[in-house]
């Protein structure tokens, strides 16, 4: 089963696109932004979600600690 939450690789400014159940819900600058987006789409326990849960979250281009592209 695919992850419900997908966090895309950081852009050149360190921002990451966020999708929930296949729907774009925002562009995050830090992990706490994700909970804000999830609450806005009706996820009641957004602040309690484990962002390291691989069954729920698919991190692309680095995990929760990665927010800026490395310089070339």
N, C-alpha and C. Protein backbone atom coordinates (compact mmCIF):
# COMPACT_ATOMS: atom_id res chain seq x y z
N UNK A 1 0.85 -1.18 0.00
CA UNK A 1 0.00 0.00 0.00
C UNK A 1 0.90 1.24 0.00
N UNK A 2 0.63 2.19 -0.89
CA UNK A 2 1.46 3.40 -0.93
C UNK A 2 1.26 4.26 0.31
N UNK A 3 2.28 5.03 0.63
CA UNK A 3 2.20 5.94 1.78
C UNK A 3 1.14 7.00 1.51
N UNK A 4 0.43 7.41 2.55
CA UNK A 4 -0.59 8.45 2.42
C UNK A 4 0.02 9.83 2.32
N UNK A 5 1.19 10.01 2.93
CA UNK A 5 1.86 11.31 2.96
C UNK A 5 3.16 11.20 2.17
N UNK A 6 3.32 12.07 1.17
CA UNK A 6 4.54 12.07 0.36
C UNK A 6 5.18 13.44 0.47
N UNK A 7 6.46 13.44 0.83
CA UNK A 7 7.24 14.67 0.95
C UNK A 7 8.30 14.63 -0.15
N UNK A 8 8.25 15.59 -1.05
CA UNK A 8 9.14 15.62 -2.21
C UNK A 8 10.49 16.24 -1.87
N UNK A 9 11.49 16.02 -2.73
CA UNK A 9 12.82 16.58 -2.47
C UNK A 9 12.78 18.10 -2.34
N UNK A 10 13.70 18.64 -1.57
CA UNK A 10 13.75 20.10 -1.42
C UNK A 10 14.12 20.78 -2.73
N UNK A 11 13.52 21.95 -2.94
CA UNK A 11 13.90 22.75 -4.10
C UNK A 11 15.16 23.53 -3.76
N UNK A 12 15.56 24.44 -4.64
CA UNK A 12 16.80 25.19 -4.43
C UNK A 12 16.77 26.08 -3.19
N UNK A 13 15.57 26.33 -2.65
CA UNK A 13 15.44 27.14 -1.43
C UNK A 13 15.21 26.30 -0.18
N UNK A 14 15.18 24.98 -0.35
CA UNK A 14 14.96 24.09 0.78
C UNK A 14 13.50 23.77 1.06
N UNK A 15 12.58 24.25 0.24
CA UNK A 15 11.15 23.99 0.43
C UNK A 15 10.79 22.64 -0.17
N UNK A 16 9.85 21.93 0.47
CA UNK A 16 9.45 20.60 0.01
C UNK A 16 7.94 20.54 -0.23
N UNK A 17 7.55 20.07 -1.41
CA UNK A 17 6.12 19.89 -1.71
C UNK A 17 5.58 18.73 -0.88
N UNK A 18 4.32 18.85 -0.47
CA UNK A 18 3.70 17.85 0.40
C UNK A 18 2.37 17.41 -0.23
N UNK A 19 2.15 16.09 -0.29
CA UNK A 19 0.89 15.53 -0.80
C UNK A 19 0.31 14.59 0.24
N UNK A 20 -1.01 14.61 0.37
CA UNK A 20 -1.74 13.71 1.28
C UNK A 20 -2.79 13.00 0.43
N UNK A 21 -2.75 11.68 0.43
CA UNK A 21 -3.68 10.89 -0.38
C UNK A 21 -3.72 11.35 -1.83
N UNK A 22 -2.55 11.70 -2.37
CA UNK A 22 -2.45 12.08 -3.77
C UNK A 22 -2.80 13.52 -4.09
N UNK A 23 -3.16 14.31 -3.08
CA UNK A 23 -3.56 15.70 -3.28
C UNK A 23 -2.49 16.63 -2.71
N UNK A 24 -2.07 17.61 -3.50
CA UNK A 24 -1.10 18.60 -3.03
C UNK A 24 -1.74 19.42 -1.91
N UNK A 25 -1.04 19.50 -0.76
CA UNK A 25 -1.60 20.25 0.37
C UNK A 25 -0.72 21.41 0.81
N UNK A 26 0.47 21.55 0.24
CA UNK A 26 1.30 22.69 0.61
C UNK A 26 2.75 22.49 0.24
N UNK A 27 3.54 23.51 0.56
CA UNK A 27 4.98 23.47 0.37
C UNK A 27 5.60 23.85 1.72
N UNK A 28 6.32 22.90 2.29
CA UNK A 28 6.84 23.06 3.65
C UNK A 28 8.27 23.57 3.66
N UNK A 29 8.55 24.43 4.64
CA UNK A 29 9.91 24.91 4.86
C UNK A 29 10.56 24.16 6.02
N UNK A 30 9.73 23.53 6.86
CA UNK A 30 10.23 22.79 8.01
C UNK A 30 9.19 21.72 8.38
N UNK A 31 9.58 20.70 9.15
CA UNK A 31 8.65 19.61 9.47
C UNK A 31 7.36 20.06 10.14
N UNK A 32 7.41 21.08 10.98
CA UNK A 32 6.19 21.51 11.67
C UNK A 32 5.13 22.05 10.70
N UNK A 33 5.55 22.51 9.52
CA UNK A 33 4.59 22.96 8.51
C UNK A 33 3.68 21.82 8.07
N UNK A 34 4.20 20.61 8.06
CA UNK A 34 3.43 19.46 7.59
C UNK A 34 2.19 19.25 8.45
N UNK A 35 2.33 19.33 9.76
CA UNK A 35 1.18 19.17 10.66
C UNK A 35 0.13 20.25 10.41
N UNK A 36 0.57 21.46 10.13
CA UNK A 36 -0.36 22.56 9.84
C UNK A 36 -1.17 22.24 8.59
N UNK A 37 -0.50 21.77 7.54
CA UNK A 37 -1.19 21.42 6.30
C UNK A 37 -2.18 20.28 6.53
N UNK A 38 -1.76 19.27 7.29
CA UNK A 38 -2.63 18.12 7.54
C UNK A 38 -3.87 18.52 8.34
N UNK A 39 -3.70 19.36 9.33
CA UNK A 39 -4.87 19.84 10.09
C UNK A 39 -5.83 20.59 9.18
N UNK A 40 -5.29 21.36 8.24
CA UNK A 40 -6.12 22.14 7.32
C UNK A 40 -6.97 21.25 6.41
N UNK A 41 -6.52 20.02 6.16
CA UNK A 41 -7.31 19.10 5.32
C UNK A 41 -8.10 18.11 6.17
N UNK A 42 -8.16 18.34 7.48
CA UNK A 42 -9.03 17.55 8.34
C UNK A 42 -8.42 16.38 9.06
N UNK A 43 -7.11 16.25 9.07
CA UNK A 43 -6.46 15.17 9.82
C UNK A 43 -6.40 15.59 11.28
N UNK A 44 -7.25 14.99 12.10
CA UNK A 44 -7.41 15.41 13.50
C UNK A 44 -6.14 15.23 14.34
N UNK A 45 -5.41 14.14 14.11
CA UNK A 45 -4.24 13.84 14.93
C UNK A 45 -2.94 14.22 14.23
N UNK A 46 -2.97 15.26 13.42
CA UNK A 46 -1.81 15.66 12.61
C UNK A 46 -0.56 15.88 13.45
N UNK A 47 -0.68 16.52 14.59
CA UNK A 47 0.49 16.80 15.42
C UNK A 47 1.10 15.54 16.02
N UNK A 48 0.35 14.44 16.03
CA UNK A 48 0.85 13.18 16.60
C UNK A 48 1.41 12.22 15.56
N UNK A 49 1.34 12.58 14.28
CA UNK A 49 1.85 11.69 13.24
C UNK A 49 3.35 11.52 13.36
N UNK A 50 3.80 10.28 13.22
CA UNK A 50 5.22 9.97 13.26
C UNK A 50 5.78 10.12 11.85
N UNK A 51 6.52 11.18 11.60
CA UNK A 51 7.06 11.44 10.27
C UNK A 51 8.15 10.47 9.86
N UNK A 52 8.55 9.57 10.77
CA UNK A 52 9.53 8.54 10.43
C UNK A 52 8.86 7.19 10.15
N UNK A 53 7.53 7.14 10.19
CA UNK A 53 6.78 5.91 9.93
C UNK A 53 6.75 5.65 8.43
N UNK A 54 7.52 4.68 7.96
CA UNK A 54 7.65 4.41 6.53
C UNK A 54 6.36 3.85 5.92
N UNK A 55 5.45 3.35 6.72
CA UNK A 55 4.17 2.88 6.20
C UNK A 55 3.24 4.05 5.90
N UNK A 56 3.43 5.16 6.57
CA UNK A 56 2.58 6.34 6.40
C UNK A 56 3.22 7.41 5.52
N UNK A 57 4.55 7.59 5.66
CA UNK A 57 5.24 8.70 5.01
C UNK A 57 6.29 8.19 4.04
N UNK A 58 6.28 8.76 2.84
CA UNK A 58 7.34 8.49 1.86
C UNK A 58 8.12 9.78 1.67
N UNK A 59 9.37 9.76 2.14
CA UNK A 59 10.26 10.91 1.98
C UNK A 59 11.05 10.69 0.70
N UNK A 60 11.02 11.65 -0.19
CA UNK A 60 11.79 11.58 -1.42
C UNK A 60 12.89 12.62 -1.35
N UNK A 61 14.12 12.20 -1.68
CA UNK A 61 15.23 13.15 -1.68
C UNK A 61 15.71 13.51 -0.28
N UNK A 62 15.69 12.56 0.62
CA UNK A 62 16.14 12.79 1.99
C UNK A 62 14.99 12.74 2.96
N UNK A 63 15.29 12.48 4.21
CA UNK A 63 14.27 12.34 5.24
C UNK A 63 13.92 13.64 5.92
N UNK A 64 13.32 13.55 7.11
CA UNK A 64 12.85 14.74 7.81
C UNK A 64 13.95 15.73 8.19
N UNK A 65 15.19 15.31 8.14
CA UNK A 65 16.30 16.21 8.49
C UNK A 65 16.82 16.98 7.27
N UNK A 66 16.31 16.69 6.07
CA UNK A 66 16.81 17.29 4.84
C UNK A 66 15.87 18.38 4.34
N UNK A 67 16.33 19.62 4.37
CA UNK A 67 15.49 20.74 3.94
C UNK A 67 16.17 21.68 2.98
N UNK A 68 17.40 21.45 2.61
CA UNK A 68 18.05 22.32 1.63
C UNK A 68 18.93 21.47 0.73
N UNK A 69 18.94 21.80 -0.53
CA UNK A 69 19.80 21.10 -1.47
C UNK A 69 21.26 21.40 -1.14
N UNK A 70 22.09 20.40 -1.29
CA UNK A 70 23.52 20.64 -1.10
C UNK A 70 24.06 21.39 -2.30
N UNK A 71 24.97 22.33 -2.07
CA UNK A 71 25.55 23.06 -3.21
C UNK A 71 26.34 22.10 -4.09
N UNK A 72 26.40 22.35 -5.40
CA UNK A 72 27.13 21.45 -6.32
C UNK A 72 28.62 21.44 -6.06
